[in-house]
Amino acid sequence: EEGRQAKNTLATIRDLVSKEGP
């Protein structure tokens, strides 16, 4: 479960960065 949660968090951060990116 921890690995899955970490992966989900990374995906969320990546999505946020993508939205904030140029």
C-alpha atoms as a PDB file:
ATOM      1  CA  GLU A   1       0.000   0.000   0.000  1.00  0.00           C
ATOM      2  CA  GLU A   2       2.851   2.396   0.775  1.00  0.00           C
ATOM      3  CA  GLY A   3       4.376   1.983  -2.681  1.00  0.00           C
ATOM      4  CA  ARG A   4       1.028   2.644  -4.302  1.00  0.00           C
ATOM      5  CA  GLN A   5       0.441   5.749  -2.192  1.00  0.00           C
ATOM      6  CA  ALA A   6       3.906   7.098  -3.007  1.00  0.00           C
ATOM      7  CA  LYS A   7       3.298   6.523  -6.712  1.00  0.00           C
ATOM      8  CA  ASN A   8      -0.044   8.321  -6.488  1.00  0.00           C
ATOM      9  CA  THR A   9       1.588  11.252  -4.681  1.00  0.00           C
ATOM     10  CA  LEU A  10       4.279  11.505  -7.349  1.00  0.00           C
ATOM     11  CA  ALA A  11       1.609  11.504 -10.055  1.00  0.00           C
ATOM     12  CA  THR A  12      -0.272  14.276  -8.243  1.00  0.00           C
ATOM     13  CA  ILE A  13       2.860  16.398  -7.836  1.00  0.00           C
ATOM     14  CA  ARG A  14       3.779  15.814 -11.458  1.00  0.00           C
ATOM     15  CA  ASP A  15       0.311  16.914 -12.526  1.00  0.00           C
ATOM     16  CA  LEU A  16       0.531  20.068 -10.411  1.00  0.00           C
ATOM     17  CA  VAL A  17       3.975  20.916 -11.776  1.00  0.00           C
ATOM     18  CA  SER A  18       2.714  20.309 -15.302  1.00  0.00           C
ATOM     19  CA  LYS A  19      -0.149  22.752 -14.729  1.00  0.00           C
ATOM     20  CA  GLU A  20       2.168  25.365 -13.216  1.00  0.00           C
ATOM     21  CA  GLY A  21       4.805  24.849 -15.884  1.00  0.00           C
ATOM     22  CA  PRO A  22       5.068  27.069 -18.966  1.00  0.00           C
END
